[in-house]
C-alpha atoms as a PDB file:
ATOM      1  CA  MET A   1     104.509  27.468 196.933  1.00  0.00           C
ATOM      2  CA  THR A   2     100.974  28.705 197.647  1.00  0.00           C
ATOM      3  CA  MET A   3      98.271  28.665 195.003  1.00  0.00           C
ATOM      4  CA  VAL A   4      94.901  30.382 195.193  1.00  0.00           C
ATOM      5  CA  SER A   5      92.920  30.329 191.931  1.00  0.00           C
ATOM      6  CA  ASP A   6      95.407  31.544 189.319  1.00  0.00           C
ATOM      7  CA  ILE A   7      97.628  33.275 191.900  1.00  0.00           C
ATOM      8  CA  ILE A   8     101.004  31.719 192.762  1.00  0.00           C
ATOM      9  CA  LEU A   9     103.224  32.909 195.610  1.00  0.00           C
ATOM     10  CA  LYS A  10     106.827  31.702 195.279  1.00  0.00           C
ATOM     11  CA  PRO A  11     110.467  32.674 195.910  1.00  0.00           C
ATOM     12  CA  LEU A  12     111.984  34.867 193.215  1.00  0.00           C
ATOM     13  CA  THR A  13     115.016  33.790 191.201  1.00  0.00           C
ATOM     14  CA  ARG A  14     117.550  35.666 189.070  1.00  0.00           C
ATOM     15  CA  ARG A  15     115.348  34.954 186.072  1.00  0.00           C
ATOM     16  CA  ASP A  16     112.590  37.019 187.764  1.00  0.00           C
ATOM     17  CA  TYR A  17     114.801  40.045 188.454  1.00  0.00           C
ATOM     18  CA  PRO A  18     114.001  42.037 185.263  1.00  0.00           C
ATOM     19  CA  ALA A  19     110.251  41.778 185.991  1.00  0.00           C
ATOM     20  CA  LEU A  20     110.831  42.734 189.643  1.00  0.00           C
ATOM     21  CA  GLU A  21     112.938  45.725 188.656  1.00  0.00           C
ATOM     22  CA  SER A  22     110.251  46.882 186.197  1.00  0.00           C
ATOM     23  CA  LEU A  23     107.537  46.511 188.864  1.00  0.00           C
ATOM     24  CA  LEU A  24     109.524  48.468 191.454  1.00  0.00           C
ATOM     25  CA  LEU A  25     110.336  51.268 189.012  1.00  0.00           C
ATOM     26  CA  ALA A  26     106.714  51.447 187.824  1.00  0.00           C
ATOM     27  CA  GLU A  27     105.572  51.888 191.433  1.00  0.00           C
ATOM     28  CA  GLU A  28     108.379  54.396 192.166  1.00  0.00           C
ATOM     29  CA  LEU A  29     110.237  52.209 194.655  1.00  0.00           C
ATOM     30  CA  PRO A  30     114.037  52.024 194.898  1.00  0.00           C
ATOM     31  CA  VAL A  31     115.854  49.151 193.190  1.00  0.00           C
ATOM     32  CA  GLU A  32     119.270  49.753 194.789  1.00  0.00           C
ATOM     33  CA  GLY A  33     120.328  46.733 196.843  1.00  0.00           C
ATOM     34  CA  VAL A  34     117.475  44.516 195.658  1.00  0.00           C
ATOM     35  CA  ALA A  35     119.549  42.271 193.368  1.00  0.00           C
ATOM     36  CA  GLU A  36     121.971  41.499 196.222  1.00  0.00           C
ATOM     37  CA  HIS A  37     119.100  40.233 198.410  1.00  0.00           C
ATOM     38  CA  LEU A  38     116.951  38.579 195.742  1.00  0.00           C
ATOM     39  CA  VAL A  39     117.257  35.216 197.515  1.00  0.00           C
ATOM     40  CA  ASN A  40     114.974  36.631 200.228  1.00  0.00           C
ATOM     41  CA  PHE A  41     112.257  37.961 197.893  1.00  0.00           C
ATOM     42  CA  ILE A  42     108.847  36.413 197.301  1.00  0.00           C
ATOM     43  CA  GLY A  43     106.820  37.080 194.174  1.00  0.00           C
ATOM     44  CA  LEU A  44     103.097  37.007 193.525  1.00  0.00           C
ATOM     45  CA  PHE A  45     102.294  35.771 190.029  1.00  0.00           C
ATOM     46  CA  ARG A  46      99.063  35.707 188.047  1.00  0.00           C
ATOM     47  CA  GLY A  47      99.124  33.783 184.798  1.00  0.00           C
ATOM     48  CA  GLY A  48     102.919  33.677 184.929  1.00  0.00           C
ATOM     49  CA  LYS A  49     103.207  37.482 185.249  1.00  0.00           C
ATOM     50  CA  LEU A  50     104.771  39.079 188.328  1.00  0.00           C
ATOM     51  CA  ILE A  51     102.125  41.354 189.873  1.00  0.00           C
ATOM     52  CA  GLY A  52     103.537  41.754 193.381  1.00  0.00           C
ATOM     53  CA  ALA A  53     106.623  41.183 195.501  1.00  0.00           C
ATOM     54  CA  VAL A  54     108.200  41.655 198.902  1.00  0.00           C
ATOM     55  CA  GLY A  55     111.661  40.984 200.275  1.00  0.00           C
ATOM     56  CA  LEU A  56     113.966  41.031 203.252  1.00  0.00           C
ATOM     57  CA  GLU A  57     117.526  42.081 203.799  1.00  0.00           C
ATOM     58  CA  ILE A  58     118.581  39.870 206.701  1.00  0.00           C
ATOM     59  CA  TYR A  59     121.237  41.062 209.154  1.00  0.00           C
ATOM     60  CA  GLY A  60     121.439  38.355 211.820  1.00  0.00           C
ATOM     61  CA  ALA A  61     118.429  38.666 214.156  1.00  0.00           C
ATOM     62  CA  ALA A  62     117.288  41.885 212.437  1.00  0.00           C
ATOM     63  CA  ALA A  63     115.970  42.453 208.935  1.00  0.00           C
ATOM     64  CA  LEU A  64     114.889  45.255 206.656  1.00  0.00           C
ATOM     65  CA  LEU A  65     111.579  44.692 204.885  1.00  0.00           C
ATOM     66  CA  ARG A  66     111.970  45.774 201.269  1.00  0.00           C
ATOM     67  CA  SER A  67     109.562  46.685 198.573  1.00  0.00           C
ATOM     68  CA  LEU A  68     106.147  45.339 199.510  1.00  0.00           C
ATOM     69  CA  VAL A  69     104.577  46.158 196.164  1.00  0.00           C
ATOM     70  CA  VAL A  70     101.527  45.227 194.112  1.00  0.00           C
ATOM     71  CA  THR A  71     101.093  46.566 190.604  1.00  0.00           C
ATOM     72  CA  GLY A  72      98.581  49.423 190.467  1.00  0.00           C
ATOM     73  CA  SER A  73      95.844  47.557 188.582  1.00  0.00           C
ATOM     74  CA  GLU A  74      95.904  44.718 191.135  1.00  0.00           C
ATOM     75  CA  GLN A  75      95.871  46.823 194.313  1.00  0.00           C
ATOM     76  CA  GLY A  76      92.962  46.566 196.734  1.00  0.00           C
ATOM     77  CA  LYS A  77      92.476  42.815 196.223  1.00  0.00           C
ATOM     78  CA  GLY A  78      94.250  41.576 199.363  1.00  0.00           C
ATOM     79  CA  TYR A  79      97.495  40.658 197.604  1.00  0.00           C
ATOM     80  CA  GLY A  80      99.551  43.004 199.790  1.00  0.00           C
ATOM     81  CA  LYS A  81      98.257  41.181 202.881  1.00  0.00           C
ATOM     82  CA  GLN A  82      99.186  37.810 201.334  1.00  0.00           C
ATOM     83  CA  LEU A  83     102.698  39.036 200.587  1.00  0.00           C
ATOM     84  CA  TYR A  84     103.006  40.526 204.069  1.00  0.00           C
ATOM     85  CA  ARG A  85     102.045  37.231 205.757  1.00  0.00           C
ATOM     86  CA  ALA A  86     104.474  35.304 203.550  1.00  0.00           C
ATOM     87  CA  ILE A  87     107.425  37.580 204.374  1.00  0.00           C
ATOM     88  CA  ILE A  88     106.672  37.529 208.118  1.00  0.00           C
ATOM     89  CA  ASP A  89     106.709  33.712 207.954  1.00  0.00           C
ATOM     90  CA  LYS A  90     110.021  33.824 206.073  1.00  0.00           C
ATOM     91  CA  ALA A  91     111.497  36.159 208.703  1.00  0.00           C
ATOM     92  CA  ARG A  92     110.424  33.837 211.521  1.00  0.00           C
ATOM     93  CA  GLU A  93     111.896  30.813 209.713  1.00  0.00           C
ATOM     94  CA  ALA A  94     115.183  32.737 209.396  1.00  0.00           C
ATOM     95  CA  GLY A  95     115.242  33.537 213.129  1.00  0.00           C
ATOM     96  CA  VAL A  96     114.624  37.252 212.654  1.00  0.00           C
ATOM     97  CA  GLY A  97     113.242  38.941 215.774  1.00  0.00           C
ATOM     98  CA  GLU A  98     113.049  42.553 214.600  1.00  0.00           C
ATOM     99  CA  ILE A  99     111.879  43.746 211.208  1.00  0.00           C
ATOM    100  CA  TYR A 100     112.503  47.346 210.181  1.00  0.00           C
ATOM    101  CA  LEU A 101     111.179  49.288 207.218  1.00  0.00           C
ATOM    102  CA  LEU A 102     111.221  52.723 205.667  1.00  0.00           C
ATOM    103  CA  THR A 103     108.063  54.018 203.997  1.00  0.00           C
ATOM    104  CA  GLU A 104     106.647  57.188 202.542  1.00  0.00           C
ATOM    105  CA  THR A 105     103.238  55.800 201.628  1.00  0.00           C
ATOM    106  CA  ALA A 106     102.337  52.723 203.695  1.00  0.00           C
ATOM    107  CA  GLU A 107     102.627  53.786 207.344  1.00  0.00           C
ATOM    108  CA  ARG A 108      98.947  53.000 208.069  1.00  0.00           C
ATOM    109  CA  PHE A 109      99.141  49.571 206.399  1.00  0.00           C
ATOM    110  CA  PHE A 110     102.103  48.539 208.542  1.00  0.00           C
ATOM    111  CA  ALA A 111     100.845  50.186 211.740  1.00  0.00           C
ATOM    112  CA  ALA A 112      97.686  48.074 211.430  1.00  0.00           C
ATOM    113  CA  ARG A 113      99.954  44.997 211.420  1.00  0.00           C
ATOM    114  CA  GLY A 114     101.899  45.776 214.580  1.00  0.00           C
ATOM    115  CA  PHE A 115     104.710  47.972 213.272  1.00  0.00           C
ATOM    116  CA  ARG A 116     105.454  51.089 215.310  1.00  0.00           C
ATOM    117  CA  LYS A 117     107.155  54.294 214.271  1.00  0.00           C
ATOM    118  CA  ILE A 118     110.660  54.909 215.672  1.00  0.00           C
ATOM    119  CA  PRO A 119     113.449  57.417 215.025  1.00  0.00           C
ATOM    120  CA  ARG A 120     115.781  56.146 212.272  1.00  0.00           C
ATOM    121  CA  GLU A 121     118.761  56.183 214.627  1.00  0.00           C
ATOM    122  CA  GLN A 122     117.050  53.576 216.847  1.00  0.00           C
ATOM    123  CA  ALA A 123     117.112  50.953 214.084  1.00  0.00           C
ATOM    124  CA  ASP A 124     119.535  48.065 214.434  1.00  0.00           C
ATOM    125  CA  PRO A 125     123.061  49.291 213.522  1.00  0.00           C
ATOM    126  CA  ALA A 126     123.491  46.621 210.811  1.00  0.00           C
ATOM    127  CA  VAL A 127     120.180  47.613 209.210  1.00  0.00           C
ATOM    128  CA  GLN A 128     121.275  51.265 209.268  1.00  0.00           C
ATOM    129  CA  GLN A 129     124.222  50.278 207.044  1.00  0.00           C
ATOM    130  CA  SER A 130     121.918  49.008 204.280  1.00  0.00           C
ATOM    131  CA  VAL A 131     121.828  50.928 201.009  1.00  0.00           C
ATOM    132  CA  GLU A 132     118.153  51.711 201.612  1.00  0.00           C
ATOM    133  CA  PHE A 133     118.945  53.461 204.914  1.00  0.00           C
ATOM    134  CA  ARG A 134     122.110  55.139 203.664  1.00  0.00           C
ATOM    135  CA  SER A 135     120.939  56.472 200.311  1.00  0.00           C
ATOM    136  CA  ALA A 136     118.021  54.820 198.488  1.00  0.00           C
ATOM    137  CA  CYS A 137     115.233  56.074 200.761  1.00  0.00           C
ATOM    138  CA  PRO A 138     114.847  59.787 201.463  1.00  0.00           C
ATOM    139  CA  ALA A 139     115.205  61.226 204.965  1.00  0.00           C
ATOM    140  CA  SER A 140     111.474  62.006 204.875  1.00  0.00           C
ATOM    141  CA  ALA A 141     110.621  58.268 204.953  1.00  0.00           C
ATOM    142  CA  VAL A 142     109.091  56.979 208.183  1.00  0.00           C
ATOM    143  CA  CYS A 143     111.105  54.309 210.025  1.00  0.00           C
ATOM    144  CA  MET A 144     109.074  51.527 211.630  1.00  0.00           C
ATOM    145  CA  VAL A 145     109.841  48.341 213.551  1.00  0.00           C
ATOM    146  CA  TYR A 146     107.996  45.105 214.243  1.00  0.00           C
ATOM    147  CA  VAL A 147     109.171  42.894 217.079  1.00  0.00           C
ATOM    148  CA  GLY A 148     107.754  39.414 216.824  1.00  0.00           C
END
C-alpha cells in the first residue's frame, strides 16, 4: 500500500467492484471481463472514495492492460502516472514480459511511456482471446504493446 497525503493506492477487492464499475461506466470504458480479473486491479482512493483504477488480464508471459482511469474531476494531477507505474510493477512481479492494450483516447499517454502501435493481429494469441479484444473494444481502437 502506498500513501501520499490523503491518496491511497491499493489492490481492489470484490467489495470495491461496484465503485469500479461506476467509475468505468462514468468514463465510458468497458466493464466486460473486469470482474473476472479484479484480483489484478489496483485502485487509487482519496478519503476512502475510489477515484482511479487500472488492471491487468494476465495470460502467462503476456498481459492486457485494462482500464487505466481517473475520474474526470481528478484528471491532470499525476494520478494516471501513479497508477501506470503501479501496474507496470505488478506486471513485472507476475513475470509478464509483454503488455498489450487497446485505446481510443490515450495513445499519446502510452506512447510516451514506451508503448508502440501494432496491428491487432500481432498481439499475443491468448490476449486476442480476451473479451476486450473479441467484443468489448471497437475495431477502431489502437492496439499497442510494451515489451519490458
